[in-house]
PDB file of N, CA and C in Angstrom:
ATOM      1  N   UNK A   1       0.841  -1.197   0.000  1.00  0.00           N
ATOM      2  CA  UNK A   1       0.000   0.000   0.000  1.00  0.00           C
ATOM      3  C   UNK A   1       0.876   1.247   0.000  1.00  0.00           C
ATOM      4  N   UNK A   2       0.554   2.166  -0.866  1.00  0.00           N
ATOM      5  CA  UNK A   2       1.358   3.382  -1.010  1.00  0.00           C
ATOM      6  C   UNK A   2       0.947   4.416   0.024  1.00  0.00           C
ATOM      7  N   UNK A   3       1.958   5.114   0.557  1.00  0.00           N
ATOM      8  CA  UNK A   3       1.622   6.179   1.496  1.00  0.00           C
ATOM      9  C   UNK A   3       1.402   7.491   0.729  1.00  0.00           C
ATOM     10  N   UNK A   4       1.052   8.542   1.446  1.00  0.00           N
ATOM     11  CA  UNK A   4       0.694   9.807   0.811  1.00  0.00           C
ATOM     12  C   UNK A   4       1.875  10.463   0.093  1.00  0.00           C
ATOM     13  N   UNK A   5       3.088  10.294   0.603  1.00  0.00           N
ATOM     14  CA  UNK A   5       4.258  10.911  -0.003  1.00  0.00           C
ATOM     15  C   UNK A   5       4.533  10.289  -1.370  1.00  0.00           C
ATOM     16  N   UNK A   6       4.432   8.948  -1.482  1.00  0.00           N
ATOM     17  CA  UNK A   6       4.663   8.282  -2.763  1.00  0.00           C
ATOM     18  C   UNK A   6       3.628   8.701  -3.792  1.00  0.00           C
ATOM     19  N   UNK A   7       2.373   8.802  -3.386  1.00  0.00           N
ATOM     20  CA  UNK A   7       1.312   9.220  -4.304  1.00  0.00           C
ATOM     21  C   UNK A   7       1.552  10.656  -4.763  1.00  0.00           C
ATOM     22  N   UNK A   8       1.986  11.538  -3.832  1.00  0.00           N
ATOM     23  CA  UNK A   8       2.251  12.931  -4.168  1.00  0.00           C
ATOM     24  C   UNK A   8       3.412  13.034  -5.165  1.00  0.00           C
ATOM     25  N   UNK A   9       4.482  12.239  -4.961  1.00  0.00           N
ATOM     26  CA  UNK A   9       5.616  12.253  -5.885  1.00  0.00           C
ATOM     27  C   UNK A   9       5.217  11.744  -7.261  1.00  0.00           C
ATOM     28  N   UNK A  10       4.358  10.718  -7.334  1.00  0.00           N
ATOM     29  CA  UNK A  10       3.892  10.204  -8.622  1.00  0.00           C
ATOM     30  C   UNK A  10       3.090  11.260  -9.369  1.00  0.00           C
ATOM     31  N   UNK A  11       2.262  12.019  -8.623  1.00  0.00           N
ATOM     32  CA  UNK A  11       1.477  13.073  -9.264  1.00  0.00           C
ATOM     33  C   UNK A  11       2.381  14.165  -9.827  1.00  0.00           C
ATOM     34  N   UNK A  12       3.459  14.518  -9.103  1.00  0.00           N
ATOM     35  CA  UNK A  12       4.387  15.533  -9.597  1.00  0.00           C
ATOM     36  C   UNK A  12       5.082  15.059 -10.860  1.00  0.00           C
ATOM     37  N   UNK A  13       5.524  13.792 -10.872  1.00  0.00           N
ATOM     38  CA  UNK A  13       6.188  13.260 -12.057  1.00  0.00           C
ATOM     39  C   UNK A  13       5.230  13.217 -13.242  1.00  0.00           C
ATOM     40  N   UNK A  14       3.982  12.876 -13.006  1.00  0.00           N
ATOM     41  CA  UNK A  14       2.998  12.836 -14.086  1.00  0.00           C
ATOM     42  C   UNK A  14       2.754  14.208 -14.684  1.00  0.00           C
ATOM     43  N   UNK A  15       2.685  15.238 -13.831  1.00  0.00           N
ATOM     44  CA  UNK A  15       2.473  16.596 -14.319  1.00  0.00           C
ATOM     45  C   UNK A  15       3.677  17.095 -15.093  1.00  0.00           C
ATOM     46  N   UNK A  16       4.888  16.750 -14.625  1.00  0.00           N
ATOM     47  CA  UNK A  16       6.092  17.173 -15.321  1.00  0.00           C
ATOM     48  C   UNK A  16       6.186  16.515 -16.686  1.00  0.00           C
ATOM     49  N   UNK A  17       5.872  15.227 -16.763  1.00  0.00           N
ATOM     50  CA  UNK A  17       5.903  14.521 -18.047  1.00  0.00           C
ATOM     51  C   UNK A  17       4.910  15.105 -19.034  1.00  0.00           C
ATOM     52  N   UNK A  18       3.710  15.442 -18.550  1.00  0.00           N
ATOM     53  CA  UNK A  18       2.702  16.041 -19.422  1.00  0.00           C
ATOM     54  C   UNK A  18       3.160  17.414 -19.904  1.00  0.00           C
ATOM     55  N   UNK A  19       3.837  18.163 -19.022  1.00  0.00           N
ATOM     56  CA  UNK A  19       4.319  19.486 -19.385  1.00  0.00           C
ATOM     57  C   UNK A  19       5.390  19.391 -20.473  1.00  0.00           C
ATOM     58  N   UNK A  20       6.311  18.434 -20.323  1.00  0.00           N
ATOM     59  CA  UNK A  20       7.371  18.251 -21.318  1.00  0.00           C
ATOM     60  C   UNK A  20       6.779  17.776 -22.640  1.00  0.00           C
ATOM     61  N   UNK A  21       5.831  16.834 -22.573  1.00  0.00           N
ATOM     62  CA  UNK A  21       5.204  16.345 -23.801  1.00  0.00           C
ATOM     63  C   UNK A  21       4.425  17.446 -24.508  1.00  0.00           C
ATOM     64  N   UNK A  22       3.759  18.301 -23.746  1.00  0.00           N
ATOM     65  CA  UNK A  22       2.998  19.377 -24.377  1.00  0.00           C
ATOM     66  C   UNK A  22       3.944  20.381 -25.032  1.00  0.00           C
ATOM     67  N   UNK A  23       5.102  20.643 -24.407  1.00  0.00           N
ATOM     68  CA  UNK A  23       6.080  21.535 -25.033  1.00  0.00           C
ATOM     69  C   UNK A  23       6.646  20.904 -26.299  1.00  0.00           C
ATOM     70  N   UNK A  24       6.924  19.605 -26.236  1.00  0.00           N
ATOM     71  CA  UNK A  24       7.431  18.908 -27.420  1.00  0.00           C
ATOM     72  C   UNK A  24       6.415  18.927 -28.548  1.00  0.00           C
ATOM     73  N   UNK A  25       5.144  18.719 -28.202  1.00  0.00           N
ATOM     74  CA  UNK A  25       4.095  18.752 -29.217  1.00  0.00           C
ATOM     75  C   UNK A  25       3.975  20.151 -29.818  1.00  0.00           C
ATOM     76  N   UNK A  26       4.154  21.185 -28.994  1.00  0.00           N
ATOM     77  CA  UNK A  26       4.105  22.560 -29.494  1.00  0.00           C
ATOM     78  C   UNK A  26       5.246  22.808 -30.472  1.00  0.00           C
ATOM     79  N   UNK A  27       6.451  22.344 -30.130  1.00  0.00           N
ATOM     80  CA  UNK A  27       7.615  22.558 -30.992  1.00  0.00           C
ATOM     81  C   UNK A  27       7.428  21.830 -32.323  1.00  0.00           C
ATOM     82  N   UNK A  28       6.961  20.582 -32.253  1.00  0.00           N
ATOM     83  CA  UNK A  28       6.737  19.812 -33.478  1.00  0.00           C
ATOM     84  C   UNK A  28       5.666  20.478 -34.338  1.00  0.00           C
ATOM     85  N   UNK A  29       4.609  20.956 -33.714  1.00  0.00           N
ATOM     86  CA  UNK A  29       3.554  21.650 -34.450  1.00  0.00           C
ATOM     87  C   UNK A  29       4.053  22.938 -35.084  1.00  0.00           C
ATOM     88  N   UNK A  30       4.898  23.653 -34.369  1.00  0.00           N
ATOM     89  CA  UNK A  30       5.459  24.900 -34.888  1.00  0.00           C
ATOM     90  C   UNK A  30       6.340  24.641 -36.108  1.00  0.00           C
ATOM     91  N   UNK A  31       7.204  23.626 -36.007  1.00  0.00           N
ATOM     92  CA  UNK A  31       8.079  23.285 -37.134  1.00  0.00           C
ATOM     93  C   UNK A  31       7.245  22.806 -38.320  1.00  0.00           C
ATOM     94  N   UNK A  32       6.216  21.995 -38.041  1.00  0.00           N
ATOM     95  CA  UNK A  32       5.351  21.511 -39.119  1.00  0.00           C
ATOM     96  C   UNK A  32       4.635  22.680 -39.802  1.00  0.00           C
ATOM     97  N   UNK A  33       4.156  23.636 -39.016  1.00  0.00           N
ATOM     98  CA  UNK A  33       3.468  24.794 -39.590  1.00  0.00           C
ATOM     99  C   UNK A  33       4.417  25.618 -40.448  1.00  0.00           C
ATOM    100  N   UNK A  34       5.661  25.778 -39.992  1.00  0.00           N
ATOM    101  CA  UNK A  34       6.629  26.538 -40.785  1.00  0.00           C
ATOM    102  C   UNK A  34       6.916  25.866 -42.116  1.00  0.00           C
ATOM    103  N   UNK A  35       7.003  24.544 -42.102  1.00  0.00           N
ATOM    104  CA  UNK A  35       7.347  23.859 -43.344  1.00  0.00           C
ATOM    105  C   UNK A  35       6.143  23.689 -44.262  1.00  0.00           C
ATOM    106  N   UNK A  36       4.970  23.475 -43.685  1.00  0.00           N
ATOM    107  CA  UNK A  36       3.788  23.225 -44.507  1.00  0.00           C
ATOM    108  C   UNK A  36       3.277  24.506 -45.159  1.00  0.00           C
ATOM    109  N   UNK A  37       3.319  25.628 -44.435  1.00  0.00           N
ATOM    110  CA  UNK A  37       2.735  26.854 -44.948  1.00  0.00           C
ATOM    111  C   UNK A  37       3.710  27.698 -45.762  1.00  0.00           C
ATOM    112  N   UNK A  38       4.857  27.128 -46.113  1.00  0.00           N
ATOM    113  CA  UNK A  38       5.739  27.833 -47.027  1.00  0.00           C
ATOM    114  C   UNK A  38       5.098  27.822 -48.407  1.00  0.00           C
ATOM    115  N   UNK A  39       5.361  28.865 -49.139  1.00  0.00           N
ATOM    116  CA  UNK A  39       4.761  28.961 -50.466  1.00  0.00           C
ATOM    117  C   UNK A  39       5.503  28.044 -51.426  1.00  0.00           C
ATOM    118  N   UNK A  40       4.770  27.132 -52.052  1.00  0.00           N
ATOM    119  CA  UNK A  40       5.336  26.221 -53.045  1.00  0.00           C
ATOM    120  C   UNK A  40       4.592  26.454 -54.349  1.00  0.00           C
ATOM    121  N   UNK A  41       5.318  26.942 -55.338  1.00  0.00           N
ATOM    122  CA  UNK A  41       4.719  27.196 -56.649  1.00  0.00           C
ATOM    123  C   UNK A  41       5.139  26.104 -57.618  1.00  0.00           C
ATOM    124  N   UNK A  42       4.171  25.471 -58.236  1.00  0.00           N
ATOM    125  CA  UNK A  42       4.442  24.475 -59.260  1.00  0.00           C
ATOM    126  C   UNK A  42       3.726  24.952 -60.517  1.00  0.00           C
ATOM    127  N   UNK A  43       4.511  25.469 -61.468  1.00  0.00           N
ATOM    128  CA  UNK A  43       3.944  26.017 -62.689  1.00  0.00           C
ATOM    129  C   UNK A  43       4.175  25.054 -63.845  1.00  0.00           C
ATOM    130  N   UNK A  44       3.191  24.945 -64.697  1.00  0.00           N
ATOM    131  CA  UNK A  44       3.354  24.155 -65.912  1.00  0.00           C
ATOM    132  C   UNK A  44       3.881  25.083 -67.003  1.00  0.00           C
ATOM    133  N   UNK A  45       4.666  24.516 -67.864  1.00  0.00           N
ATOM    134  CA  UNK A  45       5.197  25.318 -68.969  1.00  0.00           C
ATOM    135  C   UNK A  45       5.341  24.429 -70.199  1.00  0.00           C
ATOM    136  N   UNK A  46       5.793  25.041 -71.270  1.00  0.00           N
ATOM    137  CA  UNK A  46       5.989  24.288 -72.506  1.00  0.00           C
ATOM    138  C   UNK A  46       7.230  23.399 -72.437  1.00  0.00           C
ATOM    139  N   UNK A  47       8.156  23.738 -71.544  1.00  0.00           N
ATOM    140  CA  UNK A  47       9.388  22.975 -71.411  1.00  0.00           C
ATOM    141  C   UNK A  47       9.154  21.781 -70.471  1.00  0.00           C
ATOM    142  N   UNK A  48       9.228  20.537 -70.970  1.00  0.00           N
ATOM    143  CA  UNK A  48       8.981  19.384 -70.113  1.00  0.00           C
ATOM    144  C   UNK A  48       9.998  19.259 -68.981  1.00  0.00           C
ATOM    145  N   UNK A  49      11.221  19.694 -69.207  1.00  0.00           N
ATOM    146  CA  UNK A  49      12.246  19.619 -68.173  1.00  0.00           C
ATOM    147  C   UNK A  49      11.918  20.545 -66.999  1.00  0.00           C
ATOM    148  N   UNK A  50      11.344  21.697 -67.291  1.00  0.00           N
ATOM    149  CA  UNK A  50      10.944  22.629 -66.238  1.00  0.00           C
ATOM    150  C   UNK A  50       9.811  22.041 -65.397  1.00  0.00           C
ATOM    151  N   UNK A  51       8.898  21.336 -66.045  1.00  0.00           N
ATOM    152  CA  UNK A  51       7.797  20.694 -65.315  1.00  0.00           C
ATOM    153  C   UNK A  51       8.341  19.639 -64.365  1.00  0.00           C
ATOM    154  N   UNK A  52       9.274  18.826 -64.856  1.00  0.00           N
ATOM    155  CA  UNK A  52       9.864  17.784 -64.014  1.00  0.00           C
ATOM    156  C   UNK A  52      10.637  18.398 -62.856  1.00  0.00           C
ATOM    157  N   UNK A  53      11.362  19.483 -63.099  1.00  0.00           N
ATOM    158  CA  UNK A  53      12.105  20.154 -62.033  1.00  0.00           C
ATOM    159  C   UNK A  53      11.169  20.741 -60.974  1.00  0.00           C
ATOM    160  N   UNK A  54      10.065  21.334 -61.428  1.00  0.00           N
ATOM    161  CA  UNK A  54       9.094  21.881 -60.478  1.00  0.00           C
ATOM    162  C   UNK A  54       8.474  20.781 -59.624  1.00  0.00           C
ATOM    163  N   UNK A  55       8.139  19.662 -60.245  1.00  0.00           N
ATOM    164  CA  UNK A  55       7.581  18.542 -59.490  1.00  0.00           C
ATOM    165  C   UNK A  55       8.605  17.981 -58.514  1.00  0.00           C
ATOM    166  N   UNK A  56       9.842  17.894 -58.952  1.00  0.00           N
ATOM    167  CA  UNK A  56      10.921  17.415 -58.078  1.00  0.00           C
ATOM    168  C   UNK A  56      11.096  18.338 -56.876  1.00  0.00           C
ATOM    169  N   UNK A  57      11.072  19.637 -57.103  1.00  0.00           N
ATOM    170  CA  UNK A  57      11.194  20.591 -55.991  1.00  0.00           C
ATOM    171  C   UNK A  57      10.032  20.452 -55.016  1.00  0.00           C
ATOM    172  N   UNK A  58       8.831  20.244 -55.545  1.00  0.00           N
ATOM    173  CA  UNK A  58       7.658  20.075 -54.688  1.00  0.00           C
ATOM    174  C   UNK A  58       7.777  18.816 -53.834  1.00  0.00           C
ATOM    175  N   UNK A  59       8.167  17.704 -54.436  1.00  0.00           N
ATOM    176  CA  UNK A  59       8.287  16.436 -53.705  1.00  0.00           C
ATOM    177  C   UNK A  59       9.388  16.534 -52.650  1.00  0.00           C
ATOM    178  N   UNK A  60      10.524  17.128 -53.015  1.00  0.00           N
ATOM    179  CA  UNK A  60      11.599  17.283 -52.032  1.00  0.00           C
ATOM    180  C   UNK A  60      11.207  18.240 -50.918  1.00  0.00           C
ATOM    181  N   UNK A  61      10.330  19.193 -51.193  1.00  0.00           N
ATOM    182  CA  UNK A  61       9.797  20.055 -50.131  1.00  0.00           C
ATOM    183  C   UNK A  61       8.963  19.267 -49.137  1.00  0.00           C
ATOM    184  N   UNK A  62       8.140  18.357 -49.659  1.00  0.00           N
ATOM    185  CA  UNK A  62       7.356  17.495 -48.762  1.00  0.00           C
ATOM    186  C   UNK A  62       8.263  16.582 -47.939  1.00  0.00           C
ATOM    187  N   UNK A  63       9.287  16.026 -48.581  1.00  0.00           N
ATOM    188  CA  UNK A  63      10.227  15.164 -47.865  1.00  0.00           C
ATOM    189  C   UNK A  63      10.945  15.954 -46.774  1.00  0.00           C
ATOM    190  N   UNK A  64      11.303  17.194 -47.075  1.00  0.00           N
ATOM    191  CA  UNK A  64      11.964  18.038 -46.073  1.00  0.00           C
ATOM    192  C   UNK A  64      11.040  18.301 -44.878  1.00  0.00           C
ATOM    193  N   UNK A  65       9.739  18.492 -45.142  1.00  0.00           N
ATOM    194  CA  UNK A  65       8.789  18.718 -44.052  1.00  0.00           C
ATOM    195  C   UNK A  65       8.709  17.488 -43.150  1.00  0.00           C
ATOM    196  N   UNK A  66       8.647  16.310 -43.738  1.00  0.00           N
ATOM    197  CA  UNK A  66       8.608  15.080 -42.940  1.00  0.00           C
ATOM    198  C   UNK A  66       9.903  14.930 -42.144  1.00  0.00           C
ATOM    199  N   UNK A  67      11.039  15.256 -42.771  1.00  0.00           N
ATOM    200  CA  UNK A  67      12.319  15.178 -42.076  1.00  0.00           C
ATOM    201  C   UNK A  67      12.384  16.115 -40.887  1.00  0.00           C
ATOM    202  N   UNK A  68      11.813  17.305 -41.024  1.00  0.00           N
ATOM    203  CA  UNK A  68      11.795  18.259 -39.903  1.00  0.00           C
ATOM    204  C   UNK A  68      10.949  17.750 -38.747  1.00  0.00           C
ATOM    205  N   UNK A  69       9.835  17.106 -39.069  1.00  0.00           N
ATOM    206  CA  UNK A  69       8.979  16.549 -38.020  1.00  0.00           C
ATOM    207  C   UNK A  69       9.716  15.438 -37.288  1.00  0.00           C
ATOM    208  N   UNK A  70      10.376  14.554 -38.037  1.00  0.00           N
ATOM    209  CA  UNK A  70      11.131  13.466 -37.410  1.00  0.00           C
ATOM    210  C   UNK A  70      12.292  14.034 -36.599  1.00  0.00           C
ATOM    211  N   UNK A  71      12.934  15.071 -37.090  1.00  0.00           N
ATOM    212  CA  UNK A  71      14.015  15.719 -36.370  1.00  0.00           C
ATOM    213  C   UNK A  71      13.528  16.289 -35.039  1.00  0.00           C
ATOM    214  N   UNK A  72      12.374  16.936 -35.054  1.00  0.00           N
ATOM    215  CA  UNK A  72      11.791  17.457 -33.812  1.00  0.00           C
ATOM    216  C   UNK A  72      11.447  16.354 -32.832  1.00  0.00           C
ATOM    217  N   UNK A  73      10.909  15.255 -33.351  1.00  0.00           N
ATOM    218  CA  UNK A  73      10.580  14.126 -32.484  1.00  0.00           C
ATOM    219  C   UNK A  73      11.842  13.527 -31.877  1.00  0.00           C
ATOM    220  N   UNK A  74      12.928  13.466 -32.637  1.00  0.00           N
ATOM    221  CA  UNK A  74      14.196  12.958 -32.118  1.00  0.00           C
ATOM    222  C   UNK A  74      14.744  13.833 -31.001  1.00  0.00           C
ATOM    223  N   UNK A  75      14.619  15.145 -31.156  1.00  0.00           N
ATOM    224  CA  UNK A  75      15.072  16.070 -30.111  1.00  0.00           C
ATOM    225  C   UNK A  75      14.276  15.856 -28.831  1.00  0.00           C
ATOM    226  N   UNK A  76      12.969  15.683 -28.976  1.00  0.00           N
ATOM    227  CA  UNK A  76      12.128  15.426 -27.796  1.00  0.00           C
ATOM    228  C   UNK A  76      12.521  14.105 -27.138  1.00  0.00           C
ATOM    229  N   UNK A  77      12.790  13.074 -27.935  1.00  0.00           N
ATOM    230  CA  UNK A  77      13.179  11.775 -27.384  1.00  0.00           C
ATOM    231  C   UNK A  77      14.488  11.864 -26.625  1.00  0.00           C
ATOM    232  N   UNK A  78      15.468  12.556 -27.174  1.00  0.00           N
ATOM    233  CA  UNK A  78      16.744  12.701 -26.480  1.00  0.00           C
ATOM    234  C   UNK A  78      16.550  13.477 -25.183  1.00  0.00           C
ATOM    235  N   UNK A  79      15.756  14.517 -25.223  1.00  0.00           N
ATOM    236  CA  UNK A  79      15.473  15.284 -24.003  1.00  0.00           C
ATOM    237  C   UNK A  79      14.789  14.455 -22.938  1.00  0.00           C
ATOM    238  N   UNK A  80      13.819  13.662 -23.344  1.00  0.00           N
ATOM    239  CA  UNK A  80      13.127  12.803 -22.373  1.00  0.00           C
ATOM    240  C   UNK A  80      14.071  11.742 -21.814  1.00  0.00           C
ATOM    241  N   UNK A  81      14.993  11.233 -22.637  1.00  0.00           N
ATOM    242  CA  UNK A  81      15.924  10.214 -22.153  1.00  0.00           C
ATOM    243  C   UNK A  81      16.924  10.815 -21.170  1.00  0.00           C
ATOM    244  N   UNK A  82      17.314  12.061 -21.389  1.00  0.00           N
ATOM    245  CA  UNK A  82      18.217  12.708 -20.439  1.00  0.00           C
ATOM    246  C   UNK A  82      17.528  12.922 -19.100  1.00  0.00           C
ATOM    247  N   UNK A  83      16.251  13.181 -19.134  1.00  0.00           N
ATOM    248  CA  UNK A  83      15.480  13.360 -17.901  1.00  0.00           C
ATOM    249  C   UNK A  83      15.333  12.049 -17.140  1.00  0.00           C
ATOM    250  N   UNK A  84      15.089  10.962 -17.867  1.00  0.00           N
ATOM    251  CA  UNK A  84      14.813   9.686 -17.202  1.00  0.00           C
ATOM    252  C   UNK A  84      16.046   8.803 -17.055  1.00  0.00           C
ATOM    253  N   UNK A  85      17.199   9.243 -17.565  1.00  0.00           N
ATOM    254  CA  UNK A  85      18.450   8.468 -17.483  1.00  0.00           C
ATOM    255  C   UNK A  85      18.294   7.086 -18.098  1.00  0.00           C
ATOM    256  N   UNK A  86      17.626   7.014 -19.234  1.00  0.00           N
ATOM    257  CA  UNK A  86      17.393   5.734 -19.909  1.00  0.00           C
ATOM    258  C   UNK A  86      18.299   5.652 -21.134  1.00  0.00           C
ATOM    259  N   UNK A  87      19.350   4.797 -21.082  1.00  0.00           N
ATOM    260  CA  UNK A  87      20.285   4.737 -22.218  1.00  0.00           C
ATOM    261  C   UNK A  87      19.665   4.176 -23.500  1.00  0.00           C
ATOM    262  N   UNK A  88      18.707   3.261 -23.381  1.00  0.00           N
ATOM    263  CA  UNK A  88      18.064   2.707 -24.571  1.00  0.00           C
ATOM    264  C   UNK A  88      17.253   3.778 -25.294  1.00  0.00           C
ATOM    265  N   UNK A  89      16.500   4.548 -24.534  1.00  0.00           N
ATOM    266  CA  UNK A  89      15.715   5.625 -25.132  1.00  0.00           C
ATOM    267  C   UNK A  89      16.640   6.695 -25.715  1.00  0.00           C
ATOM    268  N   UNK A  90      17.781   6.917 -25.068  1.00  0.00           N
ATOM    269  CA  UNK A  90      18.739   7.898 -25.582  1.00  0.00           C
ATOM    270  C   UNK A  90      19.291   7.447 -26.930  1.00  0.00           C
ATOM    271  N   UNK A  91      19.636   6.162 -27.026  1.00  0.00           N
ATOM    272  CA  UNK A  91      20.153   5.639 -28.297  1.00  0.00           C
ATOM    273  C   UNK A  91      19.095   5.739 -29.388  1.00  0.00           C
ATOM    274  N   UNK A  92      17.851   5.401 -29.060  1.00  0.00           N
ATOM    275  CA  UNK A  92      16.761   5.524 -30.038  1.00  0.00           C
ATOM    276  C   UNK A  92      16.551   6.981 -30.450  1.00  0.00           C
ATOM    277  N   UNK A  93      16.647   7.883 -29.485  1.00  0.00           N
ATOM    278  CA  UNK A  93      16.486   9.302 -29.791  1.00  0.00           C
ATOM    279  C   UNK A  93      17.576   9.829 -30.702  1.00  0.00           C
ATOM    280  N   UNK A  94      18.811   9.399 -30.455  1.00  0.00           N
ATOM    281  CA  UNK A  94      19.924   9.840 -31.301  1.00  0.00           C
ATOM    282  C   UNK A  94      19.778   9.278 -32.713  1.00  0.00           C
ATOM    283  N   UNK A  95      19.349   8.012 -32.817  1.00  0.00           N
ATOM    284  CA  UNK A  95      19.138   7.429 -34.143  1.00  0.00           C
ATOM    285  C   UNK A  95      17.995   8.144 -34.884  1.00  0.00           C
ATOM    286  N   UNK A  96      16.929   8.493 -34.173  1.00  0.00           N
ATOM    287  CA  UNK A  96      15.825   9.240 -34.782  1.00  0.00           C
ATOM    288  C   UNK A  96      16.300  10.618 -35.224  1.00  0.00           C
ATOM    289  N   UNK A  97      17.116  11.254 -34.382  1.00  0.00           N
ATOM    290  CA  UNK A  97      17.676  12.560 -34.714  1.00  0.00           C
ATOM    291  C   UNK A  97      18.541  12.477 -35.972  1.00  0.00           C
ATOM    292  N   UNK A  98      19.395  11.465 -36.048  1.00  0.00           N
ATOM    293  CA  UNK A  98      20.254  11.296 -37.226  1.00  0.00           C
ATOM    294  C   UNK A  98      19.413  11.011 -38.473  1.00  0.00           C
ATOM    295  N   UNK A  99      18.387  10.187 -38.334  1.00  0.00           N
ATOM    296  CA  UNK A  99      17.504   9.903 -39.464  1.00  0.00           C
ATOM    297  C   UNK A  99      16.782  11.144 -39.936  1.00  0.00           C
ATOM    298  N   UNK A 100      16.338  11.978 -39.003  1.00  0.00           N
ATOM    299  CA  UNK A 100      15.675  13.226 -39.363  1.00  0.00           C
ATOM    300  C   UNK A 100      16.589  14.167 -40.114  1.00  0.00           C
ATOM    301  N   UNK A 101      17.869  14.204 -39.703  1.00  0.00           N
ATOM    302  CA  UNK A 101      18.832  15.054 -40.402  1.00  0.00           C
ATOM    303  C   UNK A 101      19.047  14.550 -41.832  1.00  0.00           C
ATOM    304  N   UNK A 102      19.188  13.222 -41.980  1.00  0.00           N
ATOM    305  CA  UNK A 102      19.406  12.657 -43.314  1.00  0.00           C
ATOM    306  C   UNK A 102      18.196  12.920 -44.215  1.00  0.00           C
ATOM    307  N   UNK A 103      16.991  12.723 -43.680  1.00  0.00           N
ATOM    308  CA  UNK A 103      15.785  12.940 -44.483  1.00  0.00           C
ATOM    309  C   UNK A 103      15.627  14.421 -44.831  1.00  0.00           C
ATOM    310  N   UNK A 104      15.924  15.310 -43.868  1.00  0.00           N
ATOM    311  CA  UNK A 104      15.781  16.744 -44.118  1.00  0.00           C
ATOM    312  C   UNK A 104      16.702  17.216 -45.236  1.00  0.00           C
ATOM    313  N   UNK A 105      17.912  16.695 -45.250  1.00  0.00           N
ATOM    314  CA  UNK A 105      18.880  17.133 -46.251  1.00  0.00           C
ATOM    315  C   UNK A 105      19.073  16.100 -47.362  1.00  0.00           C
ATOM    316  N   UNK A 106      18.030  15.366 -47.685  1.00  0.00           N
ATOM    317  CA  UNK A 106      18.115  14.306 -48.702  1.00  0.00           C
ATOM    318  C   UNK A 106      18.477  14.881 -50.078  1.00  0.00           C
ATOM    319  N   UNK A 107      17.895  15.999 -50.436  1.00  0.00           N
ATOM    320  CA  UNK A 107      18.167  16.568 -51.770  1.00  0.00           C
ATOM    321  C   UNK A 107      19.625  16.992 -51.890  1.00  0.00           C
ATOM    322  N   UNK A 108      20.157  17.642 -50.848  1.00  0.00           N
ATOM    323  CA  UNK A 108      21.549  18.075 -50.870  1.00  0.00           C
ATOM    324  C   UNK A 108      22.500  16.873 -50.888  1.00  0.00           C
ATOM    325  N   UNK A 109      22.159  15.831 -50.152  1.00  0.00           N
ATOM    326  CA  UNK A 109      22.986  14.616 -50.127  1.00  0.00           C
ATOM    327  C   UNK A 109      22.994  13.973 -51.501  1.00  0.00           C
ATOM    328  N   UNK A 110      21.815  13.870 -52.131  1.00  0.00           N
ATOM    329  CA  UNK A 110      21.762  13.296 -53.476  1.00  0.00           C
ATOM    330  C   UNK A 110      22.540  14.136 -54.486  1.00  0.00           C
ATOM    331  N   UNK A 111      22.487  15.454 -54.353  1.00  0.00           N
ATOM    332  CA  UNK A 111      23.260  16.323 -55.247  1.00  0.00           C
ATOM    333  C   UNK A 111      24.767  16.137 -55.050  1.00  0.00           C
ATOM    334  N   UNK A 112      25.186  15.928 -53.797  1.00  0.00           N
ATOM    335  CA  UNK A 112      26.608  15.668 -53.546  1.00  0.00           C
ATOM    336  C   UNK A 112      27.052  14.344 -54.151  1.00  0.00           C
ATOM    337  N   UNK A 113      26.200  13.319 -54.038  1.00  0.00           N
ATOM    338  CA  UNK A 113      26.540  11.995 -54.541  1.00  0.00           C
ATOM    339  C   UNK A 113      26.615  11.997 -56.071  1.00  0.00           C
ATOM    340  N   UNK A 114      25.624  12.613 -56.695  1.00  0.00           N
ATOM    341  CA  UNK A 114      25.581  12.597 -58.163  1.00  0.00           C
ATOM    342  C   UNK A 114      26.440  13.680 -58.794  1.00  0.00           C
ATOM    343  N   UNK A 115      26.900  14.636 -57.988  1.00  0.00           N
ATOM    344  CA  UNK A 115      27.727  15.707 -58.530  1.00  0.00           C
ATOM    345  C   UNK A 115      26.927  16.734 -59.305  1.00  0.00           C
ATOM    346  N   UNK A 116      25.609  16.820 -59.014  1.00  0.00           N
ATOM    347  CA  UNK A 116      24.761  17.724 -59.777  1.00  0.00           C
ATOM    348  C   UNK A 116      24.573  19.024 -59.177  1.00  0.00           C
TER     349      UNK A 116
END
């Protein structure tokens, strides 16, 4: 049976976790809003190469938005792992963070690889 002090400490930890999660959700929402509401113009023209380039820019913009969301989630995971001293969660957070960076800069990485 739990005494009053243990119940009080559990309530404090629950409120702190909710506060951190709500801040993380706010940050992720803010980054998503910045990436989603950017102006993306896709114009059709007589030049087929220009159409393909415009479509490519649009698709890479969407990929960048997803990468930013994953990057934000990775930052939240690393922060939560530092709070809870959980090495497994920390490793997962760092891997998510690295994946978010790779996805965010996918177009630049592909340009470096192909030399374009």
